[in-house]
Protein backbone atom coordinates (compact mmCIF):
# COMPACT_ATOMS: atom_id res chain seq x y z
CA UNK A 1 -23.14 -57.51 -1.65
CA UNK A 2 -22.19 -55.01 0.96
CA UNK A 3 -24.49 -52.19 1.86
CA UNK A 4 -23.49 -48.58 2.22
CA UNK A 5 -23.82 -47.32 5.77
CA UNK A 6 -24.14 -43.90 7.31
CA UNK A 7 -20.37 -43.27 7.61
CA UNK A 8 -19.85 -43.96 3.90
CA UNK A 9 -22.76 -41.69 2.90
CA UNK A 10 -21.41 -38.93 5.16
CA UNK A 11 -17.96 -39.26 3.58
CA UNK A 12 -19.46 -39.04 0.09
CA UNK A 13 -21.34 -35.83 1.02
CA UNK A 14 -18.23 -34.27 2.56
CA UNK A 15 -16.15 -35.06 -0.54
CA UNK A 16 -18.88 -33.79 -2.85
CA UNK A 17 -19.15 -30.57 -0.84
CA UNK A 18 -15.39 -30.07 -1.01
CA UNK A 19 -15.40 -30.52 -4.80
CA UNK A 20 -18.28 -28.04 -5.21
CA UNK A 21 -16.64 -25.46 -2.90
CA UNK A 22 -13.32 -25.75 -4.75
CA UNK A 23 -15.04 -25.31 -8.11
CA UNK A 24 -16.91 -22.22 -6.91
CA UNK A 25 -13.71 -20.66 -5.53
CA UNK A 26 -11.87 -21.28 -8.80
CA UNK A 27 -14.68 -19.71 -10.80
CA UNK A 28 -14.84 -16.68 -8.48
CA UNK A 29 -11.09 -16.12 -8.75
CA UNK A 30 -11.21 -16.36 -12.52
CA UNK A 31 -14.07 -13.84 -12.62
CA UNK A 32 -12.19 -11.44 -10.31
CA UNK A 33 -9.15 -11.55 -12.59
CA UNK A 34 -11.31 -10.72 -15.61
CA UNK A 35 -13.51 -8.14 -13.88
CA UNK A 36 -11.76 -6.60 -10.88
CA UNK A 37 -13.99 -4.96 -8.29
CA UNK A 38 -14.80 -1.32 -9.00
CA UNK A 39 -12.56 -0.03 -6.22
CA UNK A 40 -9.55 -1.76 -7.78
CA UNK A 41 -10.20 -0.49 -11.29
CA UNK A 42 -10.91 2.99 -9.92
CA UNK A 43 -7.61 2.90 -8.04
CA UNK A 44 -5.80 1.79 -11.18
CA UNK A 45 -7.47 4.56 -13.20
CA UNK A 46 -6.24 7.29 -10.89
CA UNK A 47 -3.44 9.18 -12.55
CA UNK A 48 -1.21 11.86 -11.19
CA UNK A 49 -0.58 14.84 -13.36
CA UNK A 50 1.70 13.95 -16.24
CA UNK A 51 4.92 15.87 -16.61
CA UNK A 52 4.62 18.88 -18.88
CA UNK A 53 5.34 18.37 -22.54
CA UNK A 54 8.40 20.31 -23.60
CA UNK A 55 8.35 22.39 -26.75
CA UNK A 56 10.91 20.00 -28.23
CA UNK A 57 8.73 16.94 -27.54
CA UNK A 58 5.66 18.71 -28.89
CA UNK A 59 7.59 19.64 -32.03
CA UNK A 60 8.78 16.06 -32.53
CA UNK A 61 5.27 14.71 -32.02
CA UNK A 62 3.84 17.27 -34.45
CA UNK A 63 6.49 16.43 -37.07
CA UNK A 64 5.75 12.70 -36.80
CA UNK A 65 1.98 13.26 -36.94
CA UNK A 66 2.25 15.55 -39.97
CA UNK A 67 4.32 12.86 -41.74
CA UNK A 68 1.50 10.39 -41.19
CA UNK A 69 3.35 8.59 -38.40
CA UNK A 70 0.74 9.07 -35.68
CA UNK A 71 1.55 5.76 -34.01
CA UNK A 72 5.18 6.79 -33.59
CA UNK A 73 4.08 10.18 -32.28
CA UNK A 74 1.75 8.53 -29.75
CA UNK A 75 4.52 6.20 -28.61
CA UNK A 76 6.87 9.15 -28.21
CA UNK A 77 4.36 11.12 -26.13
CA UNK A 78 3.56 8.11 -23.96
CA UNK A 79 7.23 7.36 -23.40
CA UNK A 80 8.04 10.88 -22.23
CA UNK A 81 4.88 11.72 -20.27
CA UNK A 82 3.53 8.47 -18.87
CA UNK A 83 0.11 9.16 -20.38
CA UNK A 84 -2.21 6.30 -21.20
CA UNK A 85 -2.89 5.31 -24.78
CA UNK A 86 -6.22 7.15 -24.98
CA UNK A 87 -4.82 10.39 -23.57
CA UNK A 88 -1.69 10.32 -25.75
CA UNK A 89 -3.81 9.65 -28.85
CA UNK A 90 -6.08 12.59 -28.02
CA UNK A 91 -3.02 14.78 -27.53
CA UNK A 92 -1.46 13.75 -30.87
CA UNK A 93 -4.80 14.03 -32.69
CA UNK A 94 -5.13 17.61 -31.43
CA UNK A 95 -1.62 18.38 -32.68
CA UNK A 96 -2.28 16.76 -36.07
CA UNK A 97 -5.52 18.70 -36.50
CA UNK A 98 -3.68 21.96 -35.85
CA UNK A 99 -5.46 22.57 -32.57
CA UNK A 100 -3.65 23.58 -29.46
CA UNK A 101 -3.67 20.46 -27.27
CA UNK A 102 -5.14 21.05 -23.83
CA UNK A 103 -2.62 21.19 -21.01
CA UNK A 104 -2.00 17.84 -19.41
CA UNK A 105 -4.03 17.28 -16.30
CA UNK A 106 -7.09 18.94 -17.81
CA UNK A 107 -9.99 17.80 -19.98
CA UNK A 108 -9.75 14.15 -19.15
CA UNK A 109 -6.00 13.74 -19.24
CA UNK A 110 -5.86 13.11 -15.50
CA UNK A 111 -8.65 12.53 -13.01
CA UNK A 112 -8.91 14.34 -9.73
CA UNK A 113 -8.32 12.17 -6.75
CA UNK A 114 -11.31 10.83 -4.88
CA UNK A 115 -10.94 13.22 -1.95
CA UNK A 116 -11.02 16.28 -4.23
CA UNK A 117 -14.16 15.07 -5.98
CA UNK A 118 -15.83 14.31 -2.64
CA UNK A 119 -14.92 17.76 -1.31
CA UNK A 120 -16.44 19.39 -4.40
CA UNK A 121 -19.67 17.40 -4.07
CA UNK A 122 -19.84 18.13 -0.36
CA UNK A 123 -19.31 21.88 -0.89
CA UNK A 124 -22.15 21.82 -3.46
CA UNK A 125 -24.45 20.36 -0.79
CA UNK A 126 -24.50 16.91 -2.40
CA UNK A 127 -23.18 14.84 0.50
CA UNK A 128 -25.36 11.84 -0.35
CA UNK A 129 -23.87 11.68 -3.83
CA UNK A 130 -20.41 11.98 -2.30
CA UNK A 131 -21.13 8.94 -0.12
CA UNK A 132 -22.40 7.06 -3.15
CA UNK A 133 -19.23 7.97 -5.07
CA UNK A 134 -17.00 6.76 -2.23
CA UNK A 135 -18.89 3.49 -1.92
CA UNK A 136 -18.75 2.89 -5.67
CA UNK A 137 -15.04 3.53 -6.01
CA UNK A 138 -13.76 1.95 -2.81
CA UNK A 139 -16.27 -0.73 -1.92
CA UNK A 140 -16.68 0.75 1.59
CA UNK A 141 -19.73 0.03 3.67
CA UNK A 142 -22.30 2.82 4.13
CA UNK A 143 -21.11 3.84 7.61
CA UNK A 144 -17.44 3.91 6.60
CA UNK A 145 -18.19 5.97 3.48
CA UNK A 146 -20.26 8.43 5.51
CA UNK A 147 -17.42 8.79 8.01
CA UNK A 148 -14.95 9.39 5.16
CA UNK A 149 -17.14 12.09 3.63
CA UNK A 150 -17.75 13.71 7.04
CA UNK A 151 -14.02 13.92 7.78
CA UNK A 152 -13.27 15.81 4.57
């Protein structure tokens, strides 16, 4: 029988380490695809103001909703405004209930950009919370976030 020497043992450890490292990287990538970092999801959640809803579009959406075709009304609103599903549903629900829907860009239909929210916090004397907000949404380090808040 042949004995295993130091070079063979070293090779086994190197191969085992490579397998473990590859497995960890694969698992991390899979997790990042499922749960993107907060700064990515925050960036994806940012919406610009949607185009205004014309009276014609509002009338069509109201007619569909009153006929019990809310899904079609939501699709119509989304197609013409670029709103997300939640926002379009809230808009159509307000129409169907006979309420005046809030203007787009208000009441949760579109979020302010990060800089505007930071400026508001900073003007209220809440600079520490502004730094916390920047770090949470961008993933910046403390010093970078403080510099960002200071420059605004």
